[in-house]
Amino acid sequence: MAAEMDELLEPYAHDQPEYARAFATFLAHTDQKVKAIAWLTALVNGLRSHHLFVDAGAGDGSTTAALAKLFERTIAIEPNRVLRAELARRCPEAEIVETP
């Protein structure tokens, strides 16, 4: 039973292209990301220092791209290779790492 479940879930493991597609579908049908970016931007604007932004679990880079322009340096951490490729496309100025 556990092996069957693993096989069923494998396409949706965090490092698979199917996961990235499912995540993109979710984001296309919610305003959660837009609201989060607006809230985070307001929060960042209130900070005294804008030297370094570290985004752990940066995903496809949509939030990273919105906030990186507010900082001098950005480090984005994303273990999913598919999402990391999109992150690199959206945030060429960021230092992108697979693991901390």
N, C-alpha and C. Protein backbone atom coordinates (compact mmCIF):
# COMPACT_ATOMS: atom_id res chain seq x y z
N MET A 1 0.82 -1.20 0.00
CA MET A 1 0.00 0.00 0.00
C MET A 1 0.87 1.26 0.00
N ALA A 2 1.89 1.31 0.85
CA ALA A 2 2.77 2.48 0.91
C ALA A 2 3.50 2.67 -0.41
N ALA A 3 3.96 1.58 -1.02
CA ALA A 3 4.67 1.67 -2.30
C ALA A 3 3.75 2.20 -3.39
N GLU A 4 2.49 1.76 -3.38
CA GLU A 4 1.52 2.25 -4.36
C GLU A 4 1.29 3.75 -4.18
N MET A 5 1.20 4.18 -2.93
CA MET A 5 0.99 5.59 -2.64
C MET A 5 2.19 6.41 -3.08
N ASP A 6 3.40 5.90 -2.81
CA ASP A 6 4.61 6.60 -3.25
C ASP A 6 4.63 6.77 -4.77
N GLU A 7 4.25 5.71 -5.47
CA GLU A 7 4.23 5.75 -6.93
C GLU A 7 3.20 6.77 -7.43
N LEU A 8 2.06 6.82 -6.78
CA LEU A 8 1.02 7.78 -7.15
C LEU A 8 1.48 9.22 -6.92
N LEU A 9 2.19 9.44 -5.84
CA LEU A 9 2.59 10.80 -5.47
C LEU A 9 3.89 11.26 -6.11
N GLU A 10 4.67 10.35 -6.65
CA GLU A 10 5.98 10.69 -7.22
C GLU A 10 5.94 11.86 -8.21
N PRO A 11 4.97 11.92 -9.14
CA PRO A 11 4.95 13.05 -10.07
C PRO A 11 4.81 14.41 -9.38
N TYR A 12 4.31 14.41 -8.15
CA TYR A 12 4.10 15.67 -7.43
C TYR A 12 5.15 15.92 -6.36
N ALA A 13 6.24 15.18 -6.40
CA ALA A 13 7.35 15.44 -5.49
C ALA A 13 7.88 16.83 -5.80
N HIS A 14 8.42 17.49 -4.79
CA HIS A 14 8.82 18.89 -4.94
C HIS A 14 9.84 19.13 -6.04
N ASP A 15 10.56 18.11 -6.47
CA ASP A 15 11.59 18.32 -7.49
C ASP A 15 11.16 17.88 -8.89
N GLN A 16 9.89 17.69 -9.11
CA GLN A 16 9.37 17.23 -10.40
C GLN A 16 8.67 18.37 -11.15
N PRO A 17 8.71 18.35 -12.48
CA PRO A 17 8.02 19.38 -13.27
C PRO A 17 6.52 19.45 -12.99
N GLU A 18 5.91 18.32 -12.68
CA GLU A 18 4.47 18.30 -12.40
C GLU A 18 4.13 19.15 -11.18
N TYR A 19 5.01 19.16 -10.20
CA TYR A 19 4.80 19.98 -9.01
C TYR A 19 4.77 21.45 -9.41
N ALA A 20 5.73 21.86 -10.21
CA ALA A 20 5.80 23.25 -10.65
C ALA A 20 4.54 23.64 -11.42
N ARG A 21 4.04 22.74 -12.27
CA ARG A 21 2.81 23.03 -13.03
C ARG A 21 1.60 23.14 -12.09
N ALA A 22 1.51 22.24 -11.12
CA ALA A 22 0.40 22.28 -10.16
C ALA A 22 0.45 23.57 -9.35
N PHE A 23 1.65 23.97 -8.94
CA PHE A 23 1.82 25.20 -8.17
C PHE A 23 1.43 26.41 -9.01
N ALA A 24 1.83 26.43 -10.27
CA ALA A 24 1.47 27.53 -11.17
C ALA A 24 -0.04 27.61 -11.37
N THR A 25 -0.69 26.47 -11.47
CA THR A 25 -2.15 26.43 -11.61
C THR A 25 -2.82 27.01 -10.38
N PHE A 26 -2.32 26.64 -9.21
CA PHE A 26 -2.86 27.19 -7.96
C PHE A 26 -2.73 28.71 -7.96
N LEU A 27 -1.54 29.21 -8.27
CA LEU A 27 -1.31 30.66 -8.24
C LEU A 27 -2.16 31.40 -9.26
N ALA A 28 -2.45 30.77 -10.39
CA ALA A 28 -3.27 31.41 -11.42
C ALA A 28 -4.72 31.60 -10.97
N HIS A 29 -5.12 30.90 -9.93
CA HIS A 29 -6.52 30.95 -9.49
C HIS A 29 -6.68 31.53 -8.09
N THR A 30 -5.69 32.29 -7.64
CA THR A 30 -5.78 32.92 -6.33
C THR A 30 -5.08 34.28 -6.37
N ASP A 31 -5.49 35.18 -5.51
CA ASP A 31 -4.80 36.47 -5.39
C ASP A 31 -3.87 36.48 -4.18
N GLN A 32 -3.63 35.32 -3.62
CA GLN A 32 -2.78 35.19 -2.44
C GLN A 32 -1.40 35.81 -2.67
N LYS A 33 -0.79 35.54 -3.80
CA LYS A 33 0.56 36.04 -4.09
C LYS A 33 0.55 37.56 -4.21
N VAL A 34 -0.44 38.11 -4.89
CA VAL A 34 -0.53 39.57 -5.06
C VAL A 34 -0.67 40.25 -3.70
N LYS A 35 -1.53 39.72 -2.86
CA LYS A 35 -1.73 40.30 -1.53
C LYS A 35 -0.47 40.16 -0.68
N ALA A 36 0.19 39.03 -0.77
CA ALA A 36 1.42 38.82 0.01
C ALA A 36 2.51 39.79 -0.42
N ILE A 37 2.66 40.00 -1.72
CA ILE A 37 3.68 40.92 -2.22
C ILE A 37 3.39 42.35 -1.76
N ALA A 38 2.14 42.76 -1.81
CA ALA A 38 1.77 44.11 -1.34
C ALA A 38 2.08 44.27 0.14
N TRP A 39 1.74 43.29 0.93
CA TRP A 39 1.99 43.35 2.38
C TRP A 39 3.49 43.37 2.66
N LEU A 40 4.24 42.50 1.99
CA LEU A 40 5.69 42.43 2.20
C LEU A 40 6.38 43.71 1.74
N THR A 41 5.93 44.29 0.64
CA THR A 41 6.52 45.54 0.16
C THR A 41 6.34 46.65 1.18
N ALA A 42 5.15 46.76 1.74
CA ALA A 42 4.90 47.76 2.78
C ALA A 42 5.79 47.52 3.99
N LEU A 43 5.95 46.28 4.36
CA LEU A 43 6.80 45.92 5.50
C LEU A 43 8.26 46.29 5.22
N VAL A 44 8.75 45.93 4.05
CA VAL A 44 10.14 46.22 3.67
C VAL A 44 10.38 47.73 3.61
N ASN A 45 9.43 48.47 3.09
CA ASN A 45 9.59 49.92 3.00
C ASN A 45 9.77 50.56 4.37
N GLY A 46 9.31 49.90 5.42
CA GLY A 46 9.45 50.42 6.77
C GLY A 46 10.76 50.03 7.45
N LEU A 47 11.57 49.22 6.80
CA LEU A 47 12.85 48.80 7.38
C LEU A 47 13.89 49.91 7.28
N ARG A 48 14.80 49.95 8.24
CA ARG A 48 15.88 50.93 8.21
C ARG A 48 16.98 50.54 7.23
N SER A 49 17.18 49.26 7.05
CA SER A 49 18.26 48.77 6.21
C SER A 49 17.70 47.94 5.05
N HIS A 50 18.31 48.11 3.90
CA HIS A 50 17.92 47.35 2.71
C HIS A 50 19.15 46.74 2.04
N HIS A 51 20.07 46.25 2.87
CA HIS A 51 21.33 45.71 2.34
C HIS A 51 21.16 44.31 1.76
N LEU A 52 20.47 43.43 2.48
CA LEU A 52 20.42 42.03 2.08
C LEU A 52 19.02 41.46 2.24
N PHE A 53 18.56 40.78 1.20
CA PHE A 53 17.28 40.07 1.21
C PHE A 53 17.59 38.60 0.96
N VAL A 54 17.17 37.73 1.88
CA VAL A 54 17.31 36.29 1.71
C VAL A 54 15.92 35.71 1.59
N ASP A 55 15.65 35.07 0.47
CA ASP A 55 14.35 34.43 0.24
C ASP A 55 14.56 32.92 0.27
N ALA A 56 14.19 32.30 1.39
CA ALA A 56 14.32 30.85 1.54
C ALA A 56 13.04 30.19 1.03
N GLY A 57 13.17 29.34 0.05
CA GLY A 57 12.00 28.75 -0.59
C GLY A 57 11.44 29.73 -1.60
N ALA A 58 12.30 30.25 -2.45
CA ALA A 58 11.95 31.34 -3.37
C ALA A 58 10.99 30.94 -4.48
N GLY A 59 10.79 29.65 -4.68
CA GLY A 59 9.83 29.20 -5.69
C GLY A 59 10.19 29.68 -7.08
N ASP A 60 9.20 30.16 -7.81
CA ASP A 60 9.43 30.58 -9.20
C ASP A 60 10.00 31.98 -9.31
N GLY A 61 10.20 32.64 -8.19
CA GLY A 61 10.82 33.96 -8.20
C GLY A 61 9.88 35.13 -8.31
N SER A 62 8.59 34.91 -8.33
CA SER A 62 7.67 36.04 -8.49
C SER A 62 7.74 36.99 -7.29
N THR A 63 7.76 36.45 -6.09
CA THR A 63 7.89 37.30 -4.90
C THR A 63 9.30 37.85 -4.81
N THR A 64 10.27 37.02 -5.10
CA THR A 64 11.67 37.44 -5.05
C THR A 64 11.90 38.64 -5.98
N ALA A 65 11.40 38.56 -7.19
CA ALA A 65 11.58 39.64 -8.17
C ALA A 65 10.95 40.94 -7.68
N ALA A 66 9.79 40.84 -7.07
CA ALA A 66 9.10 42.03 -6.59
C ALA A 66 9.86 42.70 -5.45
N LEU A 67 10.49 41.90 -4.59
CA LEU A 67 11.17 42.46 -3.43
C LEU A 67 12.65 42.74 -3.66
N ALA A 68 13.28 42.01 -4.56
CA ALA A 68 14.73 42.17 -4.79
C ALA A 68 15.09 43.60 -5.18
N LYS A 69 14.23 44.25 -5.92
CA LYS A 69 14.53 45.61 -6.36
C LYS A 69 14.59 46.61 -5.20
N LEU A 70 14.12 46.18 -4.03
CA LEU A 70 14.15 47.04 -2.85
C LEU A 70 15.41 46.86 -2.02
N PHE A 71 16.28 45.93 -2.43
CA PHE A 71 17.48 45.61 -1.67
C PHE A 71 18.73 45.74 -2.53
N GLU A 72 19.87 45.93 -1.87
CA GLU A 72 21.15 46.01 -2.56
C GLU A 72 21.61 44.64 -3.06
N ARG A 73 21.34 43.61 -2.27
CA ARG A 73 21.78 42.25 -2.62
C ARG A 73 20.66 41.27 -2.27
N THR A 74 20.49 40.26 -3.13
CA THR A 74 19.47 39.24 -2.90
C THR A 74 20.08 37.85 -3.04
N ILE A 75 19.78 37.00 -2.06
CA ILE A 75 20.13 35.59 -2.11
C ILE A 75 18.82 34.82 -2.09
N ALA A 76 18.62 33.98 -3.09
CA ALA A 76 17.38 33.19 -3.19
C ALA A 76 17.73 31.71 -3.09
N ILE A 77 17.05 31.01 -2.19
CA ILE A 77 17.28 29.58 -1.97
C ILE A 77 16.07 28.82 -2.48
N GLU A 78 16.29 27.88 -3.39
CA GLU A 78 15.20 27.07 -3.94
C GLU A 78 15.72 25.69 -4.32
N PRO A 79 15.26 24.63 -3.62
CA PRO A 79 15.74 23.27 -3.91
C PRO A 79 15.12 22.64 -5.17
N ASN A 80 13.95 23.09 -5.58
CA ASN A 80 13.28 22.50 -6.74
C ASN A 80 13.95 23.00 -8.02
N ARG A 81 14.51 22.07 -8.80
CA ARG A 81 15.27 22.46 -9.99
C ARG A 81 14.41 23.16 -11.04
N VAL A 82 13.17 22.75 -11.17
CA VAL A 82 12.27 23.37 -12.16
C VAL A 82 11.94 24.80 -11.74
N LEU A 83 11.56 24.97 -10.48
CA LEU A 83 11.25 26.31 -9.99
C LEU A 83 12.51 27.19 -9.98
N ARG A 84 13.66 26.58 -9.67
CA ARG A 84 14.92 27.33 -9.63
C ARG A 84 15.27 27.89 -11.02
N ALA A 85 14.97 27.15 -12.07
CA ALA A 85 15.22 27.64 -13.43
C ALA A 85 14.36 28.88 -13.72
N GLU A 86 13.11 28.84 -13.32
CA GLU A 86 12.22 30.00 -13.51
C GLU A 86 12.67 31.16 -12.64
N LEU A 87 13.10 30.86 -11.43
CA LEU A 87 13.64 31.87 -10.51
C LEU A 87 14.82 32.59 -11.16
N ALA A 88 15.73 31.84 -11.76
CA ALA A 88 16.90 32.43 -12.41
C ALA A 88 16.49 33.33 -13.57
N ARG A 89 15.45 32.94 -14.30
CA ARG A 89 14.96 33.75 -15.41
C ARG A 89 14.35 35.06 -14.90
N ARG A 90 13.59 34.98 -13.83
CA ARG A 90 12.91 36.17 -13.30
C ARG A 90 13.82 37.08 -12.49
N CYS A 91 14.87 36.51 -11.91
CA CYS A 91 15.73 37.29 -11.00
C CYS A 91 17.20 37.12 -11.37
N PRO A 92 17.61 37.58 -12.54
CA PRO A 92 19.01 37.38 -12.93
C PRO A 92 20.01 38.08 -12.01
N GLU A 93 19.56 39.08 -11.28
CA GLU A 93 20.44 39.82 -10.38
C GLU A 93 20.64 39.10 -9.04
N ALA A 94 19.82 38.11 -8.76
CA ALA A 94 19.90 37.41 -7.47
C ALA A 94 20.97 36.32 -7.49
N GLU A 95 21.57 36.10 -6.33
CA GLU A 95 22.46 34.96 -6.15
C GLU A 95 21.55 33.78 -5.80
N ILE A 96 21.52 32.76 -6.63
CA ILE A 96 20.59 31.65 -6.45
C ILE A 96 21.35 30.41 -6.01
N VAL A 97 20.86 29.81 -4.92
CA VAL A 97 21.48 28.59 -4.40
C VAL A 97 20.43 27.50 -4.23
N GLU A 98 20.89 26.25 -4.34
CA GLU A 98 19.99 25.11 -4.22
C GLU A 98 19.63 24.81 -2.77
N THR A 99 20.63 24.87 -1.91
CA THR A 99 20.41 24.60 -0.48
C THR A 99 21.19 25.61 0.34
N PRO A 100 20.73 25.88 1.56
CA PRO A 100 21.45 26.86 2.40
C PRO A 100 22.82 26.36 2.82
